[in-house]
N, C-alpha and C. Protein backbone atom coordinates (compact mmCIF):
# COMPACT_ATOMS: atom_id res chain seq x y z
N MET A 1 15.17 -32.14 32.59
CA MET A 1 14.37 -33.15 32.39
C MET A 1 14.86 -34.34 33.43
N ASP A 2 13.87 -34.69 34.17
CA ASP A 2 14.23 -35.89 35.45
C ASP A 2 13.86 -37.38 34.67
N ALA A 3 14.16 -38.08 35.32
CA ALA A 3 13.87 -39.69 35.14
C ALA A 3 12.39 -39.86 34.46
N ALA A 4 11.43 -39.23 35.39
CA ALA A 4 10.08 -39.73 35.02
C ALA A 4 9.70 -39.20 33.43
N GLN A 5 10.21 -37.69 33.49
CA GLN A 5 9.88 -37.23 32.19
C GLN A 5 10.67 -38.03 30.97
N ALA A 6 11.79 -38.36 31.26
CA ALA A 6 12.48 -39.19 30.22
C ALA A 6 11.64 -40.45 29.86
N LEU A 7 11.30 -41.28 31.01
CA LEU A 7 10.64 -42.48 31.02
C LEU A 7 9.25 -42.39 30.09
N ILE A 8 8.66 -41.44 30.53
CA ILE A 8 7.13 -40.84 29.85
C ILE A 8 7.71 -40.46 28.37
N ALA A 9 8.63 -39.99 28.03
CA ALA A 9 8.95 -39.60 26.68
C ALA A 9 9.42 -40.72 25.75
N ILE A 10 10.20 -41.64 26.51
CA ILE A 10 10.56 -42.99 25.92
C ILE A 10 9.37 -43.84 25.46
N ILE A 11 8.47 -44.04 26.38
CA ILE A 11 7.47 -44.96 26.34
C ILE A 11 6.42 -44.37 25.27
N GLY A 12 6.37 -42.85 25.19
CA GLY A 12 5.69 -42.44 24.14
C GLY A 12 6.18 -42.55 22.74
N LEU A 13 7.44 -42.59 22.58
CA LEU A 13 7.93 -42.74 21.37
C LEU A 13 7.77 -44.15 20.83
N VAL A 14 7.99 -45.10 21.82
CA VAL A 14 7.75 -46.51 21.36
C VAL A 14 6.32 -46.70 21.23
N ALA A 15 5.29 -46.05 21.75
CA ALA A 15 3.84 -46.26 21.55
C ALA A 15 3.63 -45.70 20.16
N ALA A 16 4.12 -44.39 19.67
CA ALA A 16 3.99 -43.89 18.45
C ALA A 16 4.38 -44.89 17.42
N ILE A 17 5.64 -45.45 17.59
CA ILE A 17 6.19 -46.30 16.52
C ILE A 17 5.17 -47.53 16.44
N VAL A 18 4.85 -48.02 17.46
CA VAL A 18 4.00 -49.31 17.49
C VAL A 18 2.79 -48.88 16.63
N THR A 19 1.99 -47.70 16.87
CA THR A 19 0.75 -47.14 16.28
C THR A 19 0.97 -47.06 14.83
N TYR A 20 2.23 -46.54 14.39
CA TYR A 20 2.52 -46.35 13.03
C TYR A 20 2.32 -47.81 12.38
N CYS A 21 3.31 -48.90 12.91
CA CYS A 21 3.24 -50.20 12.33
C CYS A 21 1.90 -50.57 12.31
N LEU A 22 0.98 -50.72 13.46
CA LEU A 22 -0.17 -51.30 13.50
C LEU A 22 -1.16 -50.66 12.49
N MET A 23 -0.96 -49.44 12.09
CA MET A 23 -1.74 -48.83 11.18
C MET A 23 -1.37 -49.17 9.82
N ARG A 24 -0.10 -49.23 9.48
CA ARG A 24 0.44 -49.32 8.16
C ARG A 24 0.38 -50.70 7.67
N PHE A 25 0.63 -51.66 8.65
CA PHE A 25 0.89 -52.88 8.17
C PHE A 25 -0.29 -53.83 8.92
N PRO A 26 -1.13 -54.16 8.11
CA PRO A 26 -2.18 -55.15 8.58
C PRO A 26 -1.81 -56.59 9.07
N HIS A 27 -0.84 -57.08 8.73
CA HIS A 27 -0.54 -58.34 9.11
C HIS A 27 -0.07 -58.51 10.50
N MET A 28 0.22 -57.26 11.13
CA MET A 28 0.63 -57.36 12.39
C MET A 28 -0.48 -56.98 13.34
N ARG A 29 -1.75 -56.85 12.76
CA ARG A 29 -2.81 -56.66 13.76
C ARG A 29 -3.49 -58.35 14.19
N ARG A 30 -4.32 -57.99 15.21
CA ARG A 30 -5.05 -59.29 15.54
C ARG A 30 -5.92 -59.77 14.49
N ASP A 31 -6.46 -60.70 14.50
CA ASP A 31 -7.01 -61.51 13.46
C ASP A 31 -8.46 -60.58 13.17
N GLU A 32 -9.27 -60.35 14.10
CA GLU A 32 -10.41 -59.82 13.95
C GLU A 32 -10.29 -58.41 13.22
N PHE A 33 -8.85 -57.61 13.23
CA PHE A 33 -8.95 -56.38 12.78
C PHE A 33 -8.03 -56.29 11.24
N ARG A 34 -7.59 -57.47 10.95
CA ARG A 34 -6.74 -57.63 9.68
C ARG A 34 -7.53 -57.07 8.45
N GLY A 35 -8.72 -57.40 8.45
CA GLY A 35 -9.50 -57.26 7.26
C GLY A 35 -9.83 -55.73 7.00
N PHE A 36 -9.28 -54.77 7.55
CA PHE A 36 -9.81 -53.25 7.29
C PHE A 36 -8.57 -52.86 6.54
N GLY A 37 -7.70 -53.49 6.21
CA GLY A 37 -6.70 -53.02 5.31
C GLY A 37 -5.89 -51.86 5.99
N ALA A 38 -4.51 -51.59 5.07
CA ALA A 38 -3.67 -50.59 5.60
C ALA A 38 -3.98 -49.03 5.04
N PHE A 39 -3.62 -48.31 6.27
CA PHE A 39 -3.90 -47.06 6.19
C PHE A 39 -2.79 -46.41 5.29
N SER A 40 -3.08 -45.25 4.79
CA SER A 40 -1.82 -44.71 4.04
C SER A 40 -0.62 -44.12 4.96
N VAL A 41 0.32 -43.74 4.16
CA VAL A 41 1.61 -43.53 4.70
C VAL A 41 1.14 -42.22 5.84
N ALA A 42 0.76 -41.29 4.98
CA ALA A 42 0.26 -40.04 5.65
C ALA A 42 -0.84 -40.28 7.05
N GLY A 43 -1.67 -41.13 6.82
CA GLY A 43 -2.61 -41.52 7.62
C GLY A 43 -1.88 -42.07 9.13
N ALA A 44 -1.15 -43.13 8.74
CA ALA A 44 -0.31 -43.69 9.82
C ALA A 44 0.46 -42.85 10.70
N ALA A 45 1.20 -41.84 9.69
CA ALA A 45 2.03 -40.97 10.41
C ALA A 45 1.34 -40.02 11.14
N LEU A 46 0.13 -39.55 10.99
CA LEU A 46 -0.49 -38.69 11.47
C LEU A 46 -1.18 -39.52 13.09
N GLY A 47 -1.58 -40.63 12.65
CA GLY A 47 -1.89 -41.27 13.95
C GLY A 47 -0.65 -41.33 15.11
N ALA A 48 0.40 -41.74 14.51
CA ALA A 48 1.82 -41.93 15.42
C ALA A 48 1.85 -40.41 15.80
N LEU A 49 1.59 -39.38 15.02
CA LEU A 49 2.20 -37.97 15.68
C LEU A 49 1.25 -37.69 16.75
N CYS A 50 -0.11 -38.04 16.57
CA CYS A 50 -1.12 -37.71 17.52
C CYS A 50 -0.75 -38.33 18.86
N VAL A 51 -0.20 -39.62 18.87
CA VAL A 51 0.06 -40.41 20.11
C VAL A 51 1.13 -39.81 20.72
N PHE A 52 2.17 -39.30 19.89
CA PHE A 52 3.31 -38.69 20.43
C PHE A 52 3.20 -37.11 21.16
N LEU A 53 2.28 -36.65 20.34
CA LEU A 53 2.18 -35.31 20.96
C LEU A 53 1.32 -35.34 22.29
N PHE A 54 0.47 -36.22 22.51
CA PHE A 54 -0.38 -36.63 23.71
C PHE A 54 0.71 -37.10 24.66
N THR A 55 1.86 -37.85 24.33
CA THR A 55 2.82 -38.08 25.45
C THR A 55 3.66 -36.88 25.78
N LEU A 56 3.84 -36.02 24.76
CA LEU A 56 4.64 -34.70 25.06
C LEU A 56 3.75 -33.91 26.01
N LEU A 57 2.50 -33.89 25.72
CA LEU A 57 1.72 -33.03 26.70
C LEU A 57 1.60 -33.64 28.32
N LEU A 58 1.51 -34.83 28.34
CA LEU A 58 2.03 -35.53 29.68
C LEU A 58 3.02 -35.07 30.33
N VAL A 59 4.26 -34.90 29.38
CA VAL A 59 5.43 -34.45 30.01
C VAL A 59 5.56 -33.30 30.54
N LEU A 60 4.92 -32.40 29.66
CA LEU A 60 4.74 -30.88 30.03
C LEU A 60 3.75 -30.86 31.47
N ALA A 61 2.88 -31.60 31.52
CA ALA A 61 2.15 -31.39 32.69
C ALA A 61 2.73 -32.10 33.72
N GLN A 62 3.58 -33.22 33.63
CA GLN A 62 4.29 -33.65 34.70
C GLN A 62 5.46 -32.60 35.34
N TRP A 63 6.00 -31.96 34.29
CA TRP A 63 6.76 -30.77 34.56
C TRP A 63 6.36 -29.79 35.36
N GLY A 64 4.89 -29.31 35.03
CA GLY A 64 4.35 -28.27 35.59
C GLY A 64 3.96 -28.65 37.04
N TRP A 65 3.45 -29.93 37.24
CA TRP A 65 2.85 -30.50 38.27
C TRP A 65 4.14 -30.46 39.24
N GLN A 66 5.50 -30.70 38.89
CA GLN A 66 6.56 -30.59 39.98
C GLN A 66 6.92 -29.13 40.30
N GLY A 67 6.40 -28.22 39.42
CA GLY A 67 6.96 -26.84 39.89
C GLY A 67 7.47 -26.28 38.89
N GLY A 68 7.81 -26.89 37.72
CA GLY A 68 8.82 -26.22 36.55
C GLY A 68 10.18 -26.30 36.99
């Protein structure tokens, strides 16, 4: 794993954590989105997992583009 792949993975992990927090805790959202209420723990975890899996796909695509 080179530096680009590590950076993509770290950014993806941070994005997944932010996604979980924004879905789970409505007081952290912007004013116009606070009225929707909190997602369940499972729903927020699923959203964060989707973001992280997309990021891992980007890492794999970058690895394949470099020639593996």
